[in-house]
Amino acid sequence: MGDGVPGLDELFSLKGKVALVTGGSRGLGLEIAQGLGEAGARLVITARREAYLKEAEATLRARGIEVLALQGSVADEADLARWLEGTLGGYGRIDILVNNAGVSWGAPTLEMPFERWRQVMETNLDGTWRLTQAVCRQMVQQGDGGRVINVASIAGLAGGRPDELSAIGYAVSKAGVVGLTRTLATHMAPHGILVNAICPGFFPTRMTRGILEEAEAIISQRTPLGRIGRPGELKGLAVFLAAPASSYITGQAIAVDGGATA
């Protein structure tokens, strides 16, 4: 454009960028990975289960998206190092990190086993922090900024109702991810690294299958838009937060929940 303002094609383009998406083999992670790839990014997707990972890799490649698939767990420090090494070995850099991998354990609050609480924290919070720290070090070394997108949850924004979700470890871990997002955003801003969080409401995924079988009608009734989320309603925000269009946005936790937290 003659006024020096980039056009929409440029504002939402990820051409030349490299994105690492954890938990990218299915559900919301695969949707986000697909969106970033459709916007032009080269991808690395990770997951614990090899079968799902290979299937996702084939799906993305069938859409003409360049992708590497790396198996492992975000709770395993050795796997995190291997993911970063594989990303740099394959593409030479990393521009976008999407921390999507996560687990949950449902139980009444007073009956929650500590070992399950610890398992959720090690994956959702500790693993997210370890990988983010390593990737941010690499981004600082590259010297041209970067993006970190944390997939949190509306469970981390408010206490929630036990008849919808009784998984206190999950909720607390996601609140921690929101806190990590805000703090890291202020610390990384001098390096041009923008850090934001997406906080989904209820979407149909493997993790929410049991909850929705029991409580979808209640959840929908309490949601202003009168329904749960649909496939495709998350990837647009992920592309926005990864692209030049969001260059003045950092430290935000954005709910995608049909108005549930309004």
C-alpha atoms as a PDB file:
ATOM      1  CA  MET A   1       0.000   0.000   0.000  1.00  0.00           C
ATOM      2  CA  GLY A   2       1.173   3.511  -0.784  1.00  0.00           C
ATOM      3  CA  ASP A   3       0.763   4.715   2.811  1.00  0.00           C
ATOM      4  CA  GLY A   4       3.282   2.156   4.113  1.00  0.00           C
ATOM      5  CA  VAL A   5       0.611   0.115   5.884  1.00  0.00           C
ATOM      6  CA  PRO A   6       0.855  -3.585   4.969  1.00  0.00           C
ATOM      7  CA  GLY A   7      -2.104  -5.202   3.222  1.00  0.00           C
ATOM      8  CA  LEU A   8      -4.108  -8.021   4.748  1.00  0.00           C
ATOM      9  CA  ASP A   9      -2.245 -10.696   2.803  1.00  0.00           C
ATOM     10  CA  GLU A  10       1.011  -9.572   4.403  1.00  0.00           C
ATOM     11  CA  LEU A  11      -0.492  -9.045   7.856  1.00  0.00           C
ATOM     12  CA  PHE A  12      -1.713 -12.642   8.021  1.00  0.00           C
ATOM     13  CA  SER A  13       1.147 -14.337   6.172  1.00  0.00           C
ATOM     14  CA  LEU A  14       3.511 -16.763   7.897  1.00  0.00           C
ATOM     15  CA  LYS A  15       5.640 -17.473   4.828  1.00  0.00           C
ATOM     16  CA  GLY A  16       9.229 -18.148   5.781  1.00  0.00           C
ATOM     17  CA  LYS A  17       8.330 -18.838   9.412  1.00  0.00           C
ATOM     18  CA  VAL A  18       8.947 -22.055  11.341  1.00  0.00           C
ATOM     19  CA  ALA A  19       6.398 -23.165  13.934  1.00  0.00           C
ATOM     20  CA  LEU A  20       6.679 -25.869  16.586  1.00  0.00           C
ATOM     21  CA  VAL A  21       3.307 -27.152  17.808  1.00  0.00           C
ATOM     22  CA  THR A  22       3.252 -29.544  20.754  1.00  0.00           C
ATOM     23  CA  GLY A  23       0.351 -31.947  20.984  1.00  0.00           C
ATOM     24  CA  GLY A  24      -0.151 -31.348  17.287  1.00  0.00           C
ATOM     25  CA  SER A  25      -1.360 -34.785  16.262  1.00  0.00           C
ATOM     26  CA  ARG A  26      -5.110 -34.316  16.743  1.00  0.00           C
ATOM     27  CA  GLY A  27      -7.858 -32.137  18.172  1.00  0.00           C
ATOM     28  CA  LEU A  28      -7.151 -28.471  18.753  1.00  0.00           C
ATOM     29  CA  GLY A  29      -3.413 -28.920  18.274  1.00  0.00           C
ATOM     30  CA  LEU A  30      -3.824 -30.363  14.801  1.00  0.00           C
ATOM     31  CA  GLU A  31      -6.322 -27.618  13.929  1.00  0.00           C
ATOM     32  CA  ILE A  32      -3.829 -24.954  15.024  1.00  0.00           C
ATOM     33  CA  ALA A  33      -0.980 -26.630  13.140  1.00  0.00           C
ATOM     34  CA  GLN A  34      -3.095 -26.798  10.008  1.00  0.00           C
ATOM     35  CA  GLY A  35      -3.979 -23.118  10.279  1.00  0.00           C
ATOM     36  CA  LEU A  36      -0.337 -22.071  10.670  1.00  0.00           C
ATOM     37  CA  GLY A  37       0.622 -24.272   7.735  1.00  0.00           C
ATOM     38  CA  GLU A  38      -2.150 -22.864   5.559  1.00  0.00           C
ATOM     39  CA  ALA A  39      -0.773 -19.388   6.333  1.00  0.00           C
ATOM     40  CA  GLY A  40       2.621 -20.476   4.988  1.00  0.00           C
ATOM     41  CA  ALA A  41       4.579 -21.706   8.016  1.00  0.00           C
ATOM     42  CA  ARG A  42       6.789 -24.763   7.953  1.00  0.00           C
ATOM     43  CA  LEU A  43       5.792 -27.023  10.811  1.00  0.00           C
ATOM     44  CA  VAL A  44       7.156 -29.313  13.468  1.00  0.00           C
ATOM     45  CA  ILE A  45       4.444 -31.241  15.313  1.00  0.00           C
ATOM     46  CA  THR A  46       4.997 -33.360  18.398  1.00  0.00           C
ATOM     47  CA  ALA A  47       2.935 -35.937  20.253  1.00  0.00           C
ATOM     48  CA  ARG A  48       3.333 -38.903  22.568  1.00  0.00           C
ATOM     49  CA  ARG A  49       1.645 -41.499  20.376  1.00  0.00           C
ATOM     50  CA  GLU A  50       3.443 -42.419  17.179  1.00  0.00           C
ATOM     51  CA  ALA A  51       0.327 -43.673  15.355  1.00  0.00           C
ATOM     52  CA  TYR A  52      -1.602 -40.420  15.777  1.00  0.00           C
ATOM     53  CA  LEU A  53       1.513 -38.421  14.931  1.00  0.00           C
ATOM     54  CA  LYS A  54       2.101 -40.203  11.633  1.00  0.00           C
ATOM     55  CA  GLU A  55      -1.549 -39.848  10.681  1.00  0.00           C
ATOM     56  CA  ALA A  56      -1.429 -36.106  11.363  1.00  0.00           C
ATOM     57  CA  GLU A  57       1.800 -35.765   9.411  1.00  0.00           C
ATOM     58  CA  ALA A  58       0.195 -37.443   6.404  1.00  0.00           C
ATOM     59  CA  THR A  59      -2.906 -35.239   6.699  1.00  0.00           C
ATOM     60  CA  LEU A  60      -0.846 -32.046   6.728  1.00  0.00           C
ATOM     61  CA  ARG A  61       1.379 -33.123   3.865  1.00  0.00           C
ATOM     62  CA  ALA A  62      -1.668 -33.999   1.800  1.00  0.00           C
ATOM     63  CA  ARG A  63      -2.646 -30.333   2.139  1.00  0.00           C
ATOM     64  CA  GLY A  64       0.743 -29.267   0.765  1.00  0.00           C
ATOM     65  CA  ILE A  65       2.127 -28.251   4.159  1.00  0.00           C
ATOM     66  CA  GLU A  66       5.804 -28.860   4.930  1.00  0.00           C
ATOM     67  CA  VAL A  67       6.012 -30.718   8.239  1.00  0.00           C
ATOM     68  CA  LEU A  68       8.314 -32.719  10.484  1.00  0.00           C
ATOM     69  CA  ALA A  69       6.805 -35.061  13.086  1.00  0.00           C
ATOM     70  CA  LEU A  70       8.717 -35.738  16.326  1.00  0.00           C
ATOM     71  CA  GLN A  71       7.483 -38.216  18.915  1.00  0.00           C
ATOM     72  CA  GLY A  72       7.900 -37.633  22.649  1.00  0.00           C
ATOM     73  CA  SER A  73       6.431 -36.213  25.831  1.00  0.00           C
ATOM     74  CA  VAL A  74       6.498 -32.605  26.978  1.00  0.00           C
ATOM     75  CA  ALA A  75       7.102 -33.967  30.497  1.00  0.00           C
ATOM     76  CA  ASP A  76      10.412 -35.540  29.395  1.00  0.00           C
ATOM     77  CA  GLU A  77      13.286 -33.054  29.390  1.00  0.00           C
ATOM     78  CA  ALA A  78      15.315 -35.196  26.989  1.00  0.00           C
ATOM     79  CA  ASP A  79      12.453 -35.176  24.484  1.00  0.00           C
ATOM     80  CA  LEU A  80      12.231 -31.377  24.688  1.00  0.00           C
ATOM     81  CA  ALA A  81      15.918 -31.047  23.847  1.00  0.00           C
ATOM     82  CA  ARG A  82      15.484 -33.488  20.976  1.00  0.00           C
ATOM     83  CA  TRP A  83      12.509 -31.525  19.607  1.00  0.00           C
ATOM     84  CA  LEU A  84      14.464 -28.284  19.571  1.00  0.00           C
ATOM     85  CA  GLU A  85      17.472 -29.996  18.027  1.00  0.00           C
ATOM     86  CA  GLY A  86      15.246 -31.582  15.378  1.00  0.00           C
ATOM     87  CA  THR A  87      13.567 -28.272  14.565  1.00  0.00           C
ATOM     88  CA  LEU A  88      16.886 -26.472  14.168  1.00  0.00           C
ATOM     89  CA  GLY A  89      18.364 -29.392  12.245  1.00  0.00           C
ATOM     90  CA  GLY A  90      15.429 -29.482   9.863  1.00  0.00           C
ATOM     91  CA  TYR A  91      14.793 -25.793   9.362  1.00  0.00           C
ATOM     92  CA  GLY A  92      17.666 -23.893  10.967  1.00  0.00           C
ATOM     93  CA  ARG A  93      15.511 -21.684  13.185  1.00  0.00           C
ATOM     94  CA  ILE A  94      12.268 -21.388  15.125  1.00  0.00           C
ATOM     95  CA  ASP A  95       9.898 -18.428  14.978  1.00  0.00           C
ATOM     96  CA  ILE A  96       6.672 -19.642  16.600  1.00  0.00           C
ATOM     97  CA  LEU A  97       6.084 -21.951  19.550  1.00  0.00           C
ATOM     98  CA  VAL A  98       2.602 -23.249  20.313  1.00  0.00           C
ATOM     99  CA  ASN A  99       2.407 -24.951  23.697  1.00  0.00           C
ATOM    100  CA  ASN A 100      -0.691 -27.085  23.215  1.00  0.00           C
ATOM    101  CA  ALA A 101       0.249 -30.445  24.757  1.00  0.00           C
ATOM    102  CA  GLY A 102      -1.646 -31.132  27.944  1.00  0.00           C
ATOM    103  CA  VAL A 103      -3.300 -33.748  30.118  1.00  0.00           C
ATOM    104  CA  SER A 104      -6.105 -33.786  32.643  1.00  0.00           C
ATOM    105  CA  TRP A 105      -7.378 -36.002  35.442  1.00  0.00           C
ATOM    106  CA  GLY A 106     -10.924 -35.801  36.692  1.00  0.00           C
ATOM    107  CA  ALA A 107     -11.886 -36.546  40.271  1.00  0.00           C
ATOM    108  CA  PRO A 108     -13.855 -34.868  43.055  1.00  0.00           C
ATOM    109  CA  THR A 109     -11.598 -32.250  44.616  1.00  0.00           C
ATOM    110  CA  LEU A 110     -11.327 -33.896  48.030  1.00  0.00           C
ATOM    111  CA  GLU A 111     -10.509 -37.211  46.383  1.00  0.00           C
ATOM    112  CA  MET A 112      -7.874 -36.007  43.885  1.00  0.00           C
ATOM    113  CA  PRO A 113      -4.792 -38.266  44.196  1.00  0.00           C
ATOM    114  CA  PHE A 114      -1.615 -36.238  44.633  1.00  0.00           C
ATOM    115  CA  GLU A 115       0.246 -38.349  42.088  1.00  0.00           C
ATOM    116  CA  ARG A 116      -2.329 -37.371  39.439  1.00  0.00           C
ATOM    117  CA  TRP A 117      -2.081 -33.713  40.471  1.00  0.00           C
ATOM    118  CA  ARG A 118       1.699 -33.953  40.053  1.00  0.00           C
ATOM    119  CA  GLN A 119       1.375 -35.678  36.672  1.00  0.00           C
ATOM    120  CA  VAL A 120      -0.846 -32.880  35.363  1.00  0.00           C
ATOM    121  CA  MET A 121       1.505 -30.179  36.670  1.00  0.00           C
ATOM    122  CA  GLU A 122       4.581 -31.850  35.199  1.00  0.00           C
ATOM    123  CA  THR A 123       3.013 -31.840  31.749  1.00  0.00           C
ATOM    124  CA  ASN A 124       0.848 -28.727  31.613  1.00  0.00           C
ATOM    125  CA  LEU A 125       3.028 -26.313  33.568  1.00  0.00           C
ATOM    126  CA  ASP A 126       6.533 -27.667  34.126  1.00  0.00           C
ATOM    127  CA  GLY A 127       6.875 -29.037  30.597  1.00  0.00           C
ATOM    128  CA  THR A 128       5.470 -25.871  29.064  1.00  0.00           C
ATOM    129  CA  TRP A 129       7.953 -23.760  31.016  1.00  0.00           C
ATOM    130  CA  ARG A 130      10.974 -25.914  30.187  1.00  0.00           C
ATOM    131  CA  LEU A 131      10.292 -25.923  26.465  1.00  0.00           C
ATOM    132  CA  THR A 132       9.390 -22.241  26.381  1.00  0.00           C
ATOM    133  CA  GLN A 133      12.575 -21.249  28.182  1.00  0.00           C
ATOM    134  CA  ALA A 134      14.702 -23.257  25.733  1.00  0.00           C
ATOM    135  CA  VAL A 135      12.885 -21.878  22.693  1.00  0.00           C
ATOM    136  CA  CYS A 136      13.050 -18.289  23.946  1.00  0.00           C
ATOM    137  CA  ARG A 137      16.807 -18.652  24.408  1.00  0.00           C
ATOM    138  CA  GLN A 138      17.023 -19.706  20.772  1.00  0.00           C
ATOM    139  CA  MET A 139      14.802 -16.813  19.651  1.00  0.00           C
ATOM    140  CA  VAL A 140      16.971 -14.319  21.552  1.00  0.00           C
ATOM    141  CA  GLN A 141      20.050 -15.795  19.902  1.00  0.00           C
ATOM    142  CA  GLN A 142      18.422 -15.433  16.468  1.00  0.00           C
ATOM    143  CA  GLY A 143      17.865 -11.769  17.258  1.00  0.00           C
ATOM    144  CA  ASP A 144      14.694 -11.099  15.269  1.00  0.00           C
ATOM    145  CA  GLY A 145      11.908 -11.742  17.764  1.00  0.00           C
ATOM    146  CA  GLY A 146       9.367 -14.523  17.824  1.00  0.00           C
ATOM    147  CA  ARG A 147       5.967 -15.650  19.060  1.00  0.00           C
ATOM    148  CA  VAL A 148       4.909 -17.920  21.897  1.00  0.00           C
ATOM    149  CA  ILE A 149       1.278 -19.026  21.988  1.00  0.00           C
ATOM    150  CA  ASN A 150       0.200 -20.938  25.066  1.00  0.00           C
ATOM    151  CA  VAL A 151      -3.007 -22.942  24.930  1.00  0.00           C
ATOM    152  CA  ALA A 152      -4.502 -22.464  28.391  1.00  0.00           C
ATOM    153  CA  SER A 153      -8.224 -22.817  29.176  1.00  0.00           C
ATOM    154  CA  ILE A 154     -11.135 -20.874  30.578  1.00  0.00           C
ATOM    155  CA  ALA A 155     -10.682 -23.277  33.513  1.00  0.00           C
ATOM    156  CA  GLY A 156      -7.592 -21.204  34.317  1.00  0.00           C
ATOM    157  CA  LEU A 157      -9.520 -17.909  34.291  1.00  0.00           C
ATOM    158  CA  ALA A 158     -12.204 -18.700  36.880  1.00  0.00           C
ATOM    159  CA  GLY A 159     -13.018 -21.297  39.474  1.00  0.00           C
ATOM    160  CA  GLY A 160     -15.560 -23.134  37.336  1.00  0.00           C
ATOM    161  CA  ARG A 161     -18.406 -25.398  38.352  1.00  0.00           C
ATOM    162  CA  PRO A 162     -17.821 -28.964  39.556  1.00  0.00           C
ATOM    163  CA  ASP A 163     -20.853 -30.198  37.613  1.00  0.00           C
ATOM    164  CA  GLU A 164     -19.073 -29.091  34.425  1.00  0.00           C
ATOM    165  CA  LEU A 165     -15.449 -29.927  35.211  1.00  0.00           C
ATOM    166  CA  SER A 166     -14.104 -31.449  38.417  1.00  0.00           C
ATOM    167  CA  ALA A 167     -10.374 -31.484  37.643  1.00  0.00           C
ATOM    168  CA  ILE A 168      -8.678 -29.124  40.054  1.00  0.00           C
ATOM    169  CA  GLY A 169      -5.149 -29.978  38.954  1.00  0.00           C
ATOM    170  CA  TYR A 170      -5.989 -29.154  35.345  1.00  0.00           C
ATOM    171  CA  ALA A 171      -7.611 -25.830  36.300  1.00  0.00           C
ATOM    172  CA  VAL A 172      -4.709 -24.786  38.519  1.00  0.00           C
ATOM    173  CA  SER A 173      -2.128 -25.776  35.908  1.00  0.00           C
ATOM    174  CA  LYS A 174      -3.901 -23.679  33.276  1.00  0.00           C
ATOM    175  CA  ALA A 175      -4.096 -20.726  35.665  1.00  0.00           C
ATOM    176  CA  GLY A 176      -0.350 -21.154  35.981  1.00  0.00           C
ATOM    177  CA  VAL A 177       0.006 -21.069  32.207  1.00  0.00           C
ATOM    178  CA  VAL A 178      -1.912 -17.777  32.138  1.00  0.00           C
ATOM    179  CA  GLY A 179       0.417 -16.373  34.805  1.00  0.00           C
ATOM    180  CA  LEU A 180       3.441 -17.629  32.883  1.00  0.00           C
ATOM    181  CA  THR A 181       2.108 -15.950  29.748  1.00  0.00           C
ATOM    182  CA  ARG A 182       1.733 -12.551  31.379  1.00  0.00           C
ATOM    183  CA  THR A 183       5.054 -12.618  33.192  1.00  0.00           C
ATOM    184  CA  LEU A 184       7.051 -13.941  30.252  1.00  0.00           C
ATOM    185  CA  ALA A 185       5.475 -11.354  27.958  1.00  0.00           C
ATOM    186  CA  THR A 186       6.938  -8.522  30.036  1.00  0.00           C
ATOM    187  CA  HIS A 187      10.320 -10.212  30.318  1.00  0.00           C
ATOM    188  CA  MET A 188      10.635 -11.068  26.625  1.00  0.00           C
ATOM    189  CA  ALA A 189       9.274  -7.803  25.221  1.00  0.00           C
ATOM    190  CA  PRO A 190      12.750  -6.193  24.978  1.00  0.00           C
ATOM    191  CA  HIS A 191      13.730  -9.063  22.672  1.00  0.00           C
ATOM    192  CA  GLY A 192      10.693  -8.646  20.409  1.00  0.00           C
ATOM    193  CA  ILE A 193       9.194 -11.956  21.545  1.00  0.00           C
ATOM    194  CA  LEU A 194       5.428 -11.717  21.955  1.00  0.00           C
ATOM    195  CA  VAL A 195       3.729 -14.125  24.358  1.00  0.00           C
ATOM    196  CA  ASN A 196      -0.030 -14.688  24.450  1.00  0.00           C
ATOM    197  CA  ALA A 197      -2.460 -17.366  25.556  1.00  0.00           C
ATOM    198  CA  ILE A 198      -5.557 -18.847  23.959  1.00  0.00           C
ATOM    199  CA  CYS A 199      -8.149 -19.960  26.515  1.00  0.00           C
ATOM    200  CA  PRO A 200     -10.638 -22.307  24.858  1.00  0.00           C
ATOM    201  CA  GLY A 201     -13.979 -23.135  26.343  1.00  0.00           C
ATOM    202  CA  PHE A 202     -15.481 -26.549  25.682  1.00  0.00           C
ATOM    203  CA  PHE A 203     -14.672 -28.038  22.272  1.00  0.00           C
ATOM    204  CA  PRO A 204     -15.260 -31.624  21.117  1.00  0.00           C
ATOM    205  CA  THR A 205     -11.898 -33.324  21.677  1.00  0.00           C
ATOM    206  CA  ARG A 206     -10.689 -36.639  23.042  1.00  0.00           C
ATOM    207  CA  MET A 207      -9.994 -34.974  26.402  1.00  0.00           C
ATOM    208  CA  THR A 208     -13.504 -33.536  26.735  1.00  0.00           C
ATOM    209  CA  ARG A 209     -15.414 -36.527  25.347  1.00  0.00           C
ATOM    210  CA  GLY A 210     -16.474 -37.909  28.723  1.00  0.00           C
ATOM    211  CA  ILE A 211     -17.405 -34.499  30.126  1.00  0.00           C
ATOM    212  CA  LEU A 212     -19.524 -33.607  27.117  1.00  0.00           C
ATOM    213  CA  GLU A 213     -21.314 -36.945  27.186  1.00  0.00           C
ATOM    214  CA  GLU A 214     -22.470 -36.102  30.703  1.00  0.00           C
ATOM    215  CA  ALA A 215     -22.817 -32.320  30.691  1.00  0.00           C
ATOM    216  CA  GLU A 216     -22.950 -30.846  27.168  1.00  0.00           C
ATOM    217  CA  ALA A 217     -26.567 -29.752  27.598  1.00  0.00           C
ATOM    218  CA  ILE A 218     -25.784 -27.936  30.852  1.00  0.00           C
ATOM    219  CA  ILE A 219     -22.648 -26.323  29.417  1.00  0.00           C
ATOM    220  CA  SER A 220     -24.487 -25.160  26.295  1.00  0.00           C
ATOM    221  CA  GLN A 221     -27.347 -23.744  28.357  1.00  0.00           C
ATOM    222  CA  ARG A 222     -24.889 -21.675  30.428  1.00  0.00           C
ATOM    223  CA  THR A 223     -23.030 -20.393  27.353  1.00  0.00           C
ATOM    224  CA  PRO A 224     -24.442 -17.172  25.827  1.00  0.00           C
ATOM    225  CA  LEU A 225     -24.085 -18.526  22.280  1.00  0.00           C
ATOM    226  CA  GLY A 226     -25.971 -21.639  23.391  1.00  0.00           C
ATOM    227  CA  ARG A 227     -23.480 -24.270  22.228  1.00  0.00           C
ATOM    228  CA  ILE A 228     -19.960 -25.636  22.613  1.00  0.00           C
ATOM    229  CA  GLY A 229     -17.159 -24.761  20.196  1.00  0.00           C
ATOM    230  CA  ARG A 230     -16.952 -26.196  16.701  1.00  0.00           C
ATOM    231  CA  PRO A 231     -13.977 -27.426  14.655  1.00  0.00           C
ATOM    232  CA  GLY A 232     -12.320 -24.519  12.869  1.00  0.00           C
ATOM    233  CA  GLU A 233     -13.212 -21.867  15.452  1.00  0.00           C
ATOM    234  CA  LEU A 234      -9.759 -21.753  17.035  1.00  0.00           C
ATOM    235  CA  LYS A 235      -7.191 -21.761  14.253  1.00  0.00           C
ATOM    236  CA  GLY A 236      -7.998 -18.233  13.057  1.00  0.00           C
ATOM    237  CA  LEU A 237      -6.971 -16.779  16.412  1.00  0.00           C
ATOM    238  CA  ALA A 238      -3.798 -18.854  16.429  1.00  0.00           C
ATOM    239  CA  VAL A 239      -2.811 -17.543  12.999  1.00  0.00           C
ATOM    240  CA  PHE A 240      -3.591 -13.989  14.103  1.00  0.00           C
ATOM    241  CA  LEU A 241      -1.376 -14.294  17.198  1.00  0.00           C
ATOM    242  CA  ALA A 242       1.458 -15.790  15.149  1.00  0.00           C
ATOM    243  CA  ALA A 243       1.255 -13.263  12.298  1.00  0.00           C
ATOM    244  CA  PRO A 244       2.316  -9.622  11.856  1.00  0.00           C
ATOM    245  CA  ALA A 245      -1.329  -8.569  12.380  1.00  0.00           C
ATOM    246  CA  SER A 246      -0.860  -8.953  16.156  1.00  0.00           C
ATOM    247  CA  SER A 247       2.477  -7.123  16.406  1.00  0.00           C
ATOM    248  CA  TYR A 248       1.261  -4.839  19.244  1.00  0.00           C
ATOM    249  CA  ILE A 249      -0.375  -7.563  21.338  1.00  0.00           C
ATOM    250  CA  THR A 250       1.449  -9.384  24.119  1.00  0.00           C
ATOM    251  CA  GLY A 251       0.642 -10.738  27.566  1.00  0.00           C
ATOM    252  CA  GLN A 252      -3.004 -11.419  26.767  1.00  0.00           C
ATOM    253  CA  ALA A 253      -5.182 -14.417  27.638  1.00  0.00           C
ATOM    254  CA  ILE A 254      -7.953 -14.541  25.049  1.00  0.00           C
ATOM    255  CA  ALA A 255     -11.031 -16.640  25.748  1.00  0.00           C
ATOM    256  CA  VAL A 256     -12.669 -18.511  22.876  1.00  0.00           C
ATOM    257  CA  ASP A 257     -15.728 -19.723  24.719  1.00  0.00           C
ATOM    258  CA  GLY A 258     -18.976 -18.480  23.181  1.00  0.00           C
ATOM    259  CA  GLY A 259     -19.243 -15.829  25.892  1.00  0.00           C
ATOM    260  CA  ALA A 260     -19.056 -18.239  28.846  1.00  0.00           C
ATOM    261  CA  THR A 261     -16.629 -16.051  30.802  1.00  0.00           C
ATOM    262  CA  ALA A 262     -18.432 -12.824  29.932  1.00  0.00           C
END
